Amino acid sequence: MLLSSDYNIQEIHDILKSYYHIARERFVDNCYTQAVGHFLVTGRDTPLKLFSSNFVTELTEQQLQDIAGEEQATKRKRKQLEKEIVDLENGKKVLH
C-alpha cells in the first residue's frame, strides 16, 4: 500500500517526466527551426540571396520556366479545361 508521501512523490515524478518529454521535443523543434532559418533563410550564405531581383531579371524565359514554370501535364489540363469552357459557352449561346 502506498503511503500518501509515496503517492505524492510518484505523482510529481510522473508530472516532471511528462514535462520533460514535451520540453525535449520543443527544444529539438526549436533547434531545427533555428538551423533551418539560419542556413536557408536569414544566414549570411543563405541560398535565398541567390534570387535577387537582378539575378531573376537576367534569366531567360526558358530558365524561368525551368525554375518556376508549371509542369506540362498541368498546362495540358488547363488548355483542355479552357477549351471545354469555350465549348460550353458556345453551347449555352445556341440554347438561348
PDB file of N, CA and C in Angstrom:
ATOM      1  N   MET A   1       0.848  -1.179   0.000  1.00  0.00           N
ATOM      2  CA  MET A   1       0.000   0.000   0.000  1.00  0.00           C
ATOM      3  C   MET A   1       0.891   1.240   0.000  1.00  0.00           C
ATOM      4  N   LEU A   2       0.577   2.172  -0.901  1.00  0.00           N
ATOM      5  CA  LEU A   2       1.361   3.401  -0.998  1.00  0.00           C
ATOM      6  C   LEU A   2       0.944   4.373   0.089  1.00  0.00           C
ATOM      7  N   LEU A   3       1.948   4.936   0.705  1.00  0.00           N
ATOM      8  CA  LEU A   3       1.666   5.991   1.670  1.00  0.00           C
ATOM      9  C   LEU A   3       1.405   7.275   0.917  1.00  0.00           C
ATOM     10  N   SER A   4       0.826   8.215   1.567  1.00  0.00           N
ATOM     11  CA  SER A   4       0.487   9.475   0.932  1.00  0.00           C
ATOM     12  C   SER A   4       1.732  10.174   0.404  1.00  0.00           C
ATOM     13  N   SER A   5       2.831  10.126   1.123  1.00  0.00           N
ATOM     14  CA  SER A   5       4.058  10.769   0.645  1.00  0.00           C
ATOM     15  C   SER A   5       4.611  10.025  -0.568  1.00  0.00           C
ATOM     16  N   ASP A   6       4.500   8.675  -0.579  1.00  0.00           N
ATOM     17  CA  ASP A   6       4.942   7.912  -1.744  1.00  0.00           C
ATOM     18  C   ASP A   6       4.086   8.251  -2.963  1.00  0.00           C
ATOM     19  N   TYR A   7       2.801   8.380  -2.749  1.00  0.00           N
ATOM     20  CA  TYR A   7       1.885   8.739  -3.832  1.00  0.00           C
ATOM     21  C   TYR A   7       2.229  10.116  -4.379  1.00  0.00           C
ATOM     22  N   ASN A   8       2.480  11.072  -3.493  1.00  0.00           N
ATOM     23  CA  ASN A   8       2.832  12.431  -3.924  1.00  0.00           C
ATOM     24  C   ASN A   8       4.138  12.425  -4.706  1.00  0.00           C
ATOM     25  N   ILE A   9       5.106  11.665  -4.242  1.00  0.00           N
ATOM     26  CA  ILE A   9       6.397  11.577  -4.940  1.00  0.00           C
ATOM     27  C   ILE A   9       6.185  10.992  -6.335  1.00  0.00           C
ATOM     28  N   GLN A  10       5.403   9.919  -6.415  1.00  0.00           N
ATOM     29  CA  GLN A  10       5.137   9.281  -7.710  1.00  0.00           C
ATOM     30  C   GLN A  10       4.395  10.228  -8.650  1.00  0.00           C
ATOM     31  N   GLU A  11       3.425  10.969  -8.117  1.00  0.00           N
ATOM     32  CA  GLU A  11       2.671  11.918  -8.936  1.00  0.00           C
ATOM     33  C   GLU A  11       3.577  13.033  -9.453  1.00  0.00           C
ATOM     34  N   ILE A  12       4.415  13.569  -8.585  1.00  0.00           N
ATOM     35  CA  ILE A  12       5.357  14.619  -9.010  1.00  0.00           C
ATOM     36  C   ILE A  12       6.316  14.062 -10.050  1.00  0.00           C
ATOM     37  N   HIS A  13       6.777  12.850  -9.852  1.00  0.00           N
ATOM     38  CA  HIS A  13       7.675  12.219 -10.818  1.00  0.00           C
ATOM     39  C   HIS A  13       6.993  12.088 -12.182  1.00  0.00           C
ATOM     40  N   ASP A  14       5.746  11.638 -12.203  1.00  0.00           N
ATOM     41  CA  ASP A  14       5.010  11.495 -13.460  1.00  0.00           C
ATOM     42  C   ASP A  14       4.818  12.839 -14.159  1.00  0.00           C
ATOM     43  N   ILE A  15       4.503  13.857 -13.386  1.00  0.00           N
ATOM     44  CA  ILE A  15       4.313  15.203 -13.952  1.00  0.00           C
ATOM     45  C   ILE A  15       5.619  15.706 -14.554  1.00  0.00           C
ATOM     46  N   LEU A  16       6.718  15.550 -13.821  1.00  0.00           N
ATOM     47  CA  LEU A  16       8.017  16.010 -14.315  1.00  0.00           C
ATOM     48  C   LEU A  16       8.454  15.218 -15.545  1.00  0.00           C
ATOM     49  N   LYS A  17       8.165  13.932 -15.563  1.00  0.00           N
ATOM     50  CA  LYS A  17       8.514  13.106 -16.721  1.00  0.00           C
ATOM     51  C   LYS A  17       7.744  13.575 -17.952  1.00  0.00           C
ATOM     52  N   SER A  18       6.449  13.856 -17.792  1.00  0.00           N
ATOM     53  CA  SER A  18       5.642  14.360 -18.907  1.00  0.00           C
ATOM     54  C   SER A  18       6.174  15.709 -19.390  1.00  0.00           C
ATOM     55  N   TYR A  19       6.482  16.580 -18.448  1.00  0.00           N
ATOM     56  CA  TYR A  19       7.024  17.891 -18.809  1.00  0.00           C
ATOM     57  C   TYR A  19       8.344  17.736 -19.552  1.00  0.00           C
ATOM     58  N   TYR A  20       9.188  16.826 -19.082  1.00  0.00           N
ATOM     59  CA  TYR A  20      10.484  16.605 -19.718  1.00  0.00           C
ATOM     60  C   TYR A  20      10.304  16.185 -21.170  1.00  0.00           C
ATOM     61  N   HIS A  21       9.387  15.256 -21.434  1.00  0.00           N
ATOM     62  CA  HIS A  21       9.169  14.797 -22.809  1.00  0.00           C
ATOM     63  C   HIS A  21       8.698  15.938 -23.705  1.00  0.00           C
ATOM     64  N   ILE A  22       7.783  16.747 -23.221  1.00  0.00           N
ATOM     65  CA  ILE A  22       7.288  17.877 -24.013  1.00  0.00           C
ATOM     66  C   ILE A  22       8.385  18.916 -24.211  1.00  0.00           C
ATOM     67  N   ALA A  23       9.118  19.228 -23.137  1.00  0.00           N
ATOM     68  CA  ALA A  23      10.186  20.230 -23.228  1.00  0.00           C
ATOM     69  C   ALA A  23      11.291  19.767 -24.165  1.00  0.00           C
ATOM     70  N   ARG A  24      11.615  18.473 -24.134  1.00  0.00           N
ATOM     71  CA  ARG A  24      12.662  17.947 -25.015  1.00  0.00           C
ATOM     72  C   ARG A  24      12.234  18.061 -26.469  1.00  0.00           C
ATOM     73  N   GLU A  25      10.991  17.695 -26.770  1.00  0.00           N
ATOM     74  CA  GLU A  25      10.501  17.812 -28.145  1.00  0.00           C
ATOM     75  C   GLU A  25      10.507  19.265 -28.603  1.00  0.00           C
ATOM     76  N   ARG A  26      10.093  20.156 -27.746  1.00  0.00           N
ATOM     77  CA  ARG A  26      10.082  21.587 -28.091  1.00  0.00           C
ATOM     78  C   ARG A  26      11.500  22.096 -28.327  1.00  0.00           C
ATOM     79  N   PHE A  27      12.448  21.656 -27.491  1.00  0.00           N
ATOM     80  CA  PHE A  27      13.841  22.068 -27.652  1.00  0.00           C
ATOM     81  C   PHE A  27      14.382  21.600 -29.002  1.00  0.00           C
ATOM     82  N   VAL A  28      14.125  20.350 -29.358  1.00  0.00           N
ATOM     83  CA  VAL A  28      14.597  19.824 -30.638  1.00  0.00           C
ATOM     84  C   VAL A  28      13.939  20.582 -31.783  1.00  0.00           C
ATOM     85  N   ASP A  29      12.634  20.846 -31.696  1.00  0.00           N
ATOM     86  CA  ASP A  29      11.946  21.623 -32.732  1.00  0.00           C
ATOM     87  C   ASP A  29      12.560  23.003 -32.882  1.00  0.00           C
ATOM     88  N   ASN A  30      12.866  23.653 -31.763  1.00  0.00           N
ATOM     89  CA  ASN A  30      13.475  24.980 -31.821  1.00  0.00           C
ATOM     90  C   ASN A  30      14.861  24.929 -32.459  1.00  0.00           C
ATOM     91  N   CYS A  31      15.623  23.896 -32.153  1.00  0.00           N
ATOM     92  CA  CYS A  31      16.954  23.753 -32.771  1.00  0.00           C
ATOM     93  C   CYS A  31      16.821  23.616 -34.282  1.00  0.00           C
ATOM     94  N   TYR A  32      15.907  22.753 -34.714  1.00  0.00           N
ATOM     95  CA  TYR A  32      15.698  22.589 -36.154  1.00  0.00           C
ATOM     96  C   TYR A  32      15.237  23.889 -36.790  1.00  0.00           C
ATOM     97  N   THR A  33      14.303  24.570 -36.156  1.00  0.00           N
ATOM     98  CA  THR A  33      13.775  25.816 -36.707  1.00  0.00           C
ATOM     99  C   THR A  33      14.879  26.862 -36.837  1.00  0.00           C
ATOM    100  N   GLN A  34      15.705  26.998 -35.822  1.00  0.00           N
ATOM    101  CA  GLN A  34      16.790  27.973 -35.871  1.00  0.00           C
ATOM    102  C   GLN A  34      17.827  27.588 -36.922  1.00  0.00           C
ATOM    103  N   ALA A  35      18.135  26.296 -37.011  1.00  0.00           N
ATOM    104  CA  ALA A  35      19.122  25.859 -38.000  1.00  0.00           C
ATOM    105  C   ALA A  35      18.612  26.105 -39.416  1.00  0.00           C
ATOM    106  N   VAL A  36      17.369  25.737 -39.660  1.00  0.00           N
ATOM    107  CA  VAL A  36      16.794  25.957 -40.992  1.00  0.00           C
ATOM    108  C   VAL A  36      16.721  27.452 -41.283  1.00  0.00           C
ATOM    109  N   GLY A  37      16.270  28.217 -40.309  1.00  0.00           N
ATOM    110  CA  GLY A  37      16.187  29.660 -40.503  1.00  0.00           C
ATOM    111  C   GLY A  37      17.539  30.269 -40.815  1.00  0.00           C
ATOM    112  N   HIS A  38      18.560  29.854 -40.093  1.00  0.00           N
ATOM    113  CA  HIS A  38      19.888  30.437 -40.303  1.00  0.00           C
ATOM    114  C   HIS A  38      20.489  29.997 -41.631  1.00  0.00           C
ATOM    115  N   PHE A  39      20.466  28.703 -41.903  1.00  0.00           N
ATOM    116  CA  PHE A  39      21.168  28.206 -43.089  1.00  0.00           C
ATOM    117  C   PHE A  39      20.379  28.364 -44.383  1.00  0.00           C
ATOM    118  N   LEU A  40      19.058  28.494 -44.305  1.00  0.00           N
ATOM    119  CA  LEU A  40      18.283  28.578 -45.534  1.00  0.00           C
ATOM    120  C   LEU A  40      17.576  29.909 -45.749  1.00  0.00           C
ATOM    121  N   VAL A  41      17.342  30.670 -44.678  1.00  0.00           N
ATOM    122  CA  VAL A  41      16.525  31.873 -44.838  1.00  0.00           C
ATOM    123  C   VAL A  41      17.285  33.150 -44.496  1.00  0.00           C
ATOM    124  N   THR A  42      17.856  33.243 -43.304  1.00  0.00           N
ATOM    125  CA  THR A  42      18.396  34.524 -42.848  1.00  0.00           C
ATOM    126  C   THR A  42      19.914  34.584 -42.731  1.00  0.00           C
ATOM    127  N   GLY A  43      20.596  33.475 -42.890  1.00  0.00           N
ATOM    128  CA  GLY A  43      22.042  33.445 -42.695  1.00  0.00           C
ATOM    129  C   GLY A  43      22.800  34.239 -43.738  1.00  0.00           C
ATOM    130  N   ARG A  44      24.092  34.421 -43.472  1.00  0.00           N
ATOM    131  CA  ARG A  44      24.950  35.190 -44.368  1.00  0.00           C
ATOM    132  C   ARG A  44      25.080  34.527 -45.736  1.00  0.00           C
ATOM    133  N   ASP A  45      25.159  33.200 -45.761  1.00  0.00           N
ATOM    134  CA  ASP A  45      25.347  32.473 -47.023  1.00  0.00           C
ATOM    135  C   ASP A  45      24.089  31.729 -47.467  1.00  0.00           C
ATOM    136  N   THR A  46      22.936  32.249 -47.112  1.00  0.00           N
ATOM    137  CA  THR A  46      21.683  31.579 -47.458  1.00  0.00           C
ATOM    138  C   THR A  46      21.504  31.487 -48.972  1.00  0.00           C
ATOM    139  N   PRO A  47      20.983  30.369 -49.464  1.00  0.00           N
ATOM    140  CA  PRO A  47      20.750  30.265 -50.902  1.00  0.00           C
ATOM    141  C   PRO A  47      19.701  31.250 -51.413  1.00  0.00           C
ATOM    142  N   LEU A  48      18.862  31.785 -50.524  1.00  0.00           N
ATOM    143  CA  LEU A  48      17.852  32.739 -50.975  1.00  0.00           C
ATOM    144  C   LEU A  48      18.468  34.037 -51.482  1.00  0.00           C
ATOM    145  N   LYS A  49      19.670  34.350 -51.041  1.00  0.00           N
ATOM    146  CA  LYS A  49      20.323  35.570 -51.536  1.00  0.00           C
ATOM    147  C   LYS A  49      20.677  35.448 -53.010  1.00  0.00           C
ATOM    148  N   LEU A  50      20.716  34.213 -53.485  1.00  0.00           N
ATOM    149  CA  LEU A  50      20.963  33.982 -54.906  1.00  0.00           C
ATOM    150  C   LEU A  50      19.858  34.595 -55.757  1.00  0.00           C
ATOM    151  N   PHE A  51      18.629  34.549 -55.263  1.00  0.00           N
ATOM    152  CA  PHE A  51      17.485  35.021 -56.036  1.00  0.00           C
ATOM    153  C   PHE A  51      17.215  36.502 -55.801  1.00  0.00           C
ATOM    154  N   SER A  52      18.187  37.320 -56.086  1.00  0.00           N
ATOM    155  CA  SER A  52      17.976  38.764 -56.004  1.00  0.00           C
ATOM    156  C   SER A  52      17.175  39.200 -57.230  1.00  0.00           C
ATOM    157  N   SER A  53      16.640  40.394 -57.178  1.00  0.00           N
ATOM    158  CA  SER A  53      15.864  40.879 -58.323  1.00  0.00           C
ATOM    159  C   SER A  53      16.746  40.996 -59.565  1.00  0.00           C
ATOM    160  N   ASN A  54      18.017  41.373 -59.393  1.00  0.00           N
ATOM    161  CA  ASN A  54      18.927  41.457 -60.546  1.00  0.00           C
ATOM    162  C   ASN A  54      19.144  40.084 -61.171  1.00  0.00           C
ATOM    163  N   PHE A  55      19.315  39.076 -60.334  1.00  0.00           N
ATOM    164  CA  PHE A  55      19.537  37.720 -60.844  1.00  0.00           C
ATOM    165  C   PHE A  55      18.333  37.247 -61.638  1.00  0.00           C
ATOM    166  N   VAL A  56      17.147  37.459 -61.090  1.00  0.00           N
ATOM    167  CA  VAL A  56      15.928  36.967 -61.742  1.00  0.00           C
ATOM    168  C   VAL A  56      15.681  37.696 -63.058  1.00  0.00           C
ATOM    169  N   THR A  57      15.914  38.997 -63.112  1.00  0.00           N
ATOM    170  CA  THR A  57      15.660  39.739 -64.355  1.00  0.00           C
ATOM    171  C   THR A  57      16.631  39.361 -65.457  1.00  0.00           C
ATOM    172  N   GLU A  58      17.764  38.785 -65.103  1.00  0.00           N
ATOM    173  CA  GLU A  58      18.736  38.379 -66.120  1.00  0.00           C
ATOM    174  C   GLU A  58      18.483  36.965 -66.648  1.00  0.00           C
ATOM    175  N   LEU A  59      17.526  36.251 -66.080  1.00  0.00           N
ATOM    176  CA  LEU A  59      17.227  34.897 -66.545  1.00  0.00           C
ATOM    177  C   LEU A  59      16.477  34.944 -67.864  1.00  0.00           C
ATOM    178  N   THR A  60      16.732  33.931 -68.685  1.00  0.00           N
ATOM    179  CA  THR A  60      15.980  33.823 -69.943  1.00  0.00           C
ATOM    180  C   THR A  60      14.593  33.263 -69.639  1.00  0.00           C
ATOM    181  N   GLU A  61      13.710  33.361 -70.624  1.00  0.00           N
ATOM    182  CA  GLU A  61      12.354  32.821 -70.463  1.00  0.00           C
ATOM    183  C   GLU A  61      12.407  31.329 -70.148  1.00  0.00           C
ATOM    184  N   GLN A  62      13.281  30.608 -70.851  1.00  0.00           N
ATOM    185  CA  GLN A  62      13.395  29.161 -70.626  1.00  0.00           C
ATOM    186  C   GLN A  62      13.908  28.857 -69.218  1.00  0.00           C
ATOM    187  N   GLN A  63      14.873  29.624 -68.740  1.00  0.00           N
ATOM    188  CA  GLN A  63      15.387  29.417 -67.382  1.00  0.00           C
ATOM    189  C   GLN A  63      14.292  29.672 -66.342  1.00  0.00           C
ATOM    190  N   LEU A  64      13.500  30.711 -66.551  1.00  0.00           N
ATOM    191  CA  LEU A  64      12.388  30.980 -65.641  1.00  0.00           C
ATOM    192  C   LEU A  64      11.380  29.835 -65.639  1.00  0.00           C
ATOM    193  N   GLN A  65      11.087  29.324 -66.827  1.00  0.00           N
ATOM    194  CA  GLN A  65      10.166  28.187 -66.914  1.00  0.00           C
ATOM    195  C   GLN A  65      10.736  26.960 -66.194  1.00  0.00           C
ATOM    196  N   ASP A  66      12.040  26.730 -66.348  1.00  0.00           N
ATOM    197  CA  ASP A  66      12.672  25.585 -65.685  1.00  0.00           C
ATOM    198  C   ASP A  66      12.608  25.711 -64.170  1.00  0.00           C
ATOM    199  N   ILE A  67      12.777  26.914 -63.660  1.00  0.00           N
ATOM    200  CA  ILE A  67      12.806  27.128 -62.210  1.00  0.00           C
ATOM    201  C   ILE A  67      11.397  27.182 -61.630  1.00  0.00           C
ATOM    202  N   ALA A  68      10.523  27.967 -62.247  1.00  0.00           N
ATOM    203  CA  ALA A  68       9.233  28.245 -61.617  1.00  0.00           C
ATOM    204  C   ALA A  68       8.029  27.914 -62.484  1.00  0.00           C
ATOM    205  N   GLY A  69       8.254  27.312 -63.631  1.00  0.00           N
ATOM    206  CA  GLY A  69       7.142  27.036 -64.532  1.00  0.00           C
ATOM    207  C   GLY A  69       6.308  25.844 -64.093  1.00  0.00           C
ATOM    208  N   GLU A  70       5.156  25.743 -64.702  1.00  0.00           N
ATOM    209  CA  GLU A  70       4.256  24.633 -64.408  1.00  0.00           C
ATOM    210  C   GLU A  70       4.706  23.386 -65.164  1.00  0.00           C
ATOM    211  N   GLU A  71       4.260  22.258 -64.663  1.00  0.00           N
ATOM    212  CA  GLU A  71       4.538  21.010 -65.355  1.00  0.00           C
ATOM    213  C   GLU A  71       3.702  20.936 -66.629  1.00  0.00           C
ATOM    214  N   GLN A  72       4.183  20.177 -67.582  1.00  0.00           N
ATOM    215  CA  GLN A  72       3.475  20.056 -68.859  1.00  0.00           C
ATOM    216  C   GLN A  72       2.070  19.480 -68.668  1.00  0.00           C
ATOM    217  N   ALA A  73       1.932  18.532 -67.767  1.00  0.00           N
ATOM    218  CA  ALA A  73       0.613  17.936 -67.532  1.00  0.00           C
ATOM    219  C   ALA A  73      -0.380  18.990 -67.051  1.00  0.00           C
ATOM    220  N   THR A  74       0.063  19.903 -66.215  1.00  0.00           N
ATOM    221  CA  THR A  74      -0.802  20.972 -65.723  1.00  0.00           C
ATOM    222  C   THR A  74      -1.187  21.915 -66.859  1.00  0.00           C
ATOM    223  N   LYS A  75      -0.233  22.247 -67.700  1.00  0.00           N
ATOM    224  CA  LYS A  75      -0.520  23.119 -68.841  1.00  0.00           C
ATOM    225  C   LYS A  75      -1.538  22.471 -69.778  1.00  0.00           C
ATOM    226  N   ARG A  76      -1.341  21.161 -70.062  1.00  0.00           N
ATOM    227  CA  ARG A  76      -2.285  20.459 -70.947  1.00  0.00           C
ATOM    228  C   ARG A  76      -3.684  20.432 -70.345  1.00  0.00           C
ATOM    229  N   LYS A  77      -3.763  20.164 -69.049  1.00  0.00           N
ATOM    230  CA  LYS A  77      -5.066  20.109 -68.383  1.00  0.00           C
ATOM    231  C   LYS A  77      -5.758  21.472 -68.445  1.00  0.00           C
ATOM    232  N   ARG A  78      -4.995  22.562 -68.231  1.00  0.00           N
ATOM    233  CA  ARG A  78      -5.583  23.897 -68.296  1.00  0.00           C
ATOM    234  C   ARG A  78      -6.111  24.184 -69.687  1.00  0.00           C
ATOM    235  N   LYS A  79      -5.340  23.848 -70.732  1.00  0.00           N
ATOM    236  CA  LYS A  79      -5.798  24.086 -72.105  1.00  0.00           C
ATOM    237  C   LYS A  79      -7.066  23.289 -72.390  1.00  0.00           C
ATOM    238  N   GLN A  80      -7.111  22.045 -71.900  1.00  0.00           N
ATOM    239  CA  GLN A  80      -8.296  21.220 -72.095  1.00  0.00           C
ATOM    240  C   GLN A  80      -9.504  21.843 -71.408  1.00  0.00           C
ATOM    241  N   LEU A  81      -9.323  22.308 -70.177  1.00  0.00           N
ATOM    242  CA  LEU A  81     -10.429  22.923 -69.440  1.00  0.00           C
ATOM    243  C   LEU A  81     -10.864  24.234 -70.085  1.00  0.00           C
ATOM    244  N   GLU A  82      -9.906  25.019 -70.577  1.00  0.00           N
ATOM    245  CA  GLU A  82     -10.255  26.264 -71.263  1.00  0.00           C
ATOM    246  C   GLU A  82     -11.073  25.966 -72.517  1.00  0.00           C
ATOM    247  N   LYS A  83     -10.702  24.924 -73.256  1.00  0.00           N
ATOM    248  CA  LYS A  83     -11.458  24.532 -74.451  1.00  0.00           C
ATOM    249  C   LYS A  83     -12.863  24.087 -74.067  1.00  0.00           C
ATOM    250  N   GLU A  84     -12.982  23.319 -72.982  1.00  0.00           N
ATOM    251  CA  GLU A  84     -14.300  22.890 -72.532  1.00  0.00           C
ATOM    252  C   GLU A  84     -15.167  24.084 -72.148  1.00  0.00           C
ATOM    253  N   ILE A  85     -14.581  25.089 -71.517  1.00  0.00           N
ATOM    254  CA  ILE A  85     -15.332  26.290 -71.134  1.00  0.00           C
ATOM    255  C   ILE A  85     -15.859  26.987 -72.381  1.00  0.00           C
ATOM    256  N   VAL A  86     -14.984  27.144 -73.386  1.00  0.00           N
ATOM    257  CA  VAL A  86     -15.408  27.796 -74.634  1.00  0.00           C
ATOM    258  C   VAL A  86     -16.528  26.995 -75.290  1.00  0.00           C
ATOM    259  N   ASP A  87     -16.353  25.664 -75.339  1.00  0.00           N
ATOM    260  CA  ASP A  87     -17.392  24.816 -75.961  1.00  0.00           C
ATOM    261  C   ASP A  87     -18.709  24.929 -75.199  1.00  0.00           C
ATOM    262  N   LEU A  88     -18.667  24.931 -73.877  1.00  0.00           N
ATOM    263  CA  LEU A  88     -19.892  25.042 -73.081  1.00  0.00           C
ATOM    264  C   LEU A  88     -20.543  26.407 -73.250  1.00  0.00           C
ATOM    265  N   GLU A  89     -19.737  27.461 -73.326  1.00  0.00           N
ATOM    266  CA  GLU A  89     -20.302  28.797 -73.546  1.00  0.00           C
ATOM    267  C   GLU A  89     -20.950  28.883 -74.915  1.00  0.00           C
ATOM    268  N   ASN A  90     -20.320  28.280 -75.936  1.00  0.00           N
ATOM    269  CA  ASN A  90     -20.914  28.267 -77.282  1.00  0.00           C
ATOM    270  C   ASN A  90     -22.215  27.479 -77.280  1.00  0.00           C
ATOM    271  N   GLY A  91     -22.240  26.358 -76.554  1.00  0.00           N
ATOM    272  CA  GLY A  91     -23.473  25.570 -76.442  1.00  0.00           C
ATOM    273  C   GLY A  91     -24.565  26.329 -75.727  1.00  0.00           C
ATOM    274  N   LYS A  92     -24.174  27.109 -74.720  1.00  0.00           N
ATOM    275  CA  LYS A  92     -25.142  27.912 -73.980  1.00  0.00           C
ATOM    276  C   LYS A  92     -25.766  28.967 -74.895  1.00  0.00           C
ATOM    277  N   LYS A  93     -24.936  29.571 -75.761  1.00  0.00           N
ATOM    278  CA  LYS A  93     -25.447  30.576 -76.700  1.00  0.00           C
ATOM    279  C   LYS A  93     -26.441  29.967 -77.673  1.00  0.00           C
ATOM    280  N   VAL A  94     -26.182  28.747 -78.108  1.00  0.00           N
ATOM    281  CA  VAL A  94     -27.085  28.073 -79.049  1.00  0.00           C
ATOM    282  C   VAL A  94     -28.424  27.808 -78.398  1.00  0.00           C
ATOM    283  N   LEU A  95     -28.417  27.445 -77.119  1.00  0.00           N
ATOM    284  CA  LEU A  95     -29.666  27.136 -76.411  1.00  0.00           C
ATOM    285  C   LEU A  95     -30.469  28.381 -76.097  1.00  0.00           C
ATOM    286  N   HIS A  96     -29.870  29.515 -75.997  1.00  0.00           N
ATOM    287  CA  HIS A  96     -30.617  30.741 -75.677  1.00  0.00           C
ATOM    288  C   HIS A  96     -31.086  31.371 -76.892  1.00  0.00           C
TER     289      HIS A  96
END
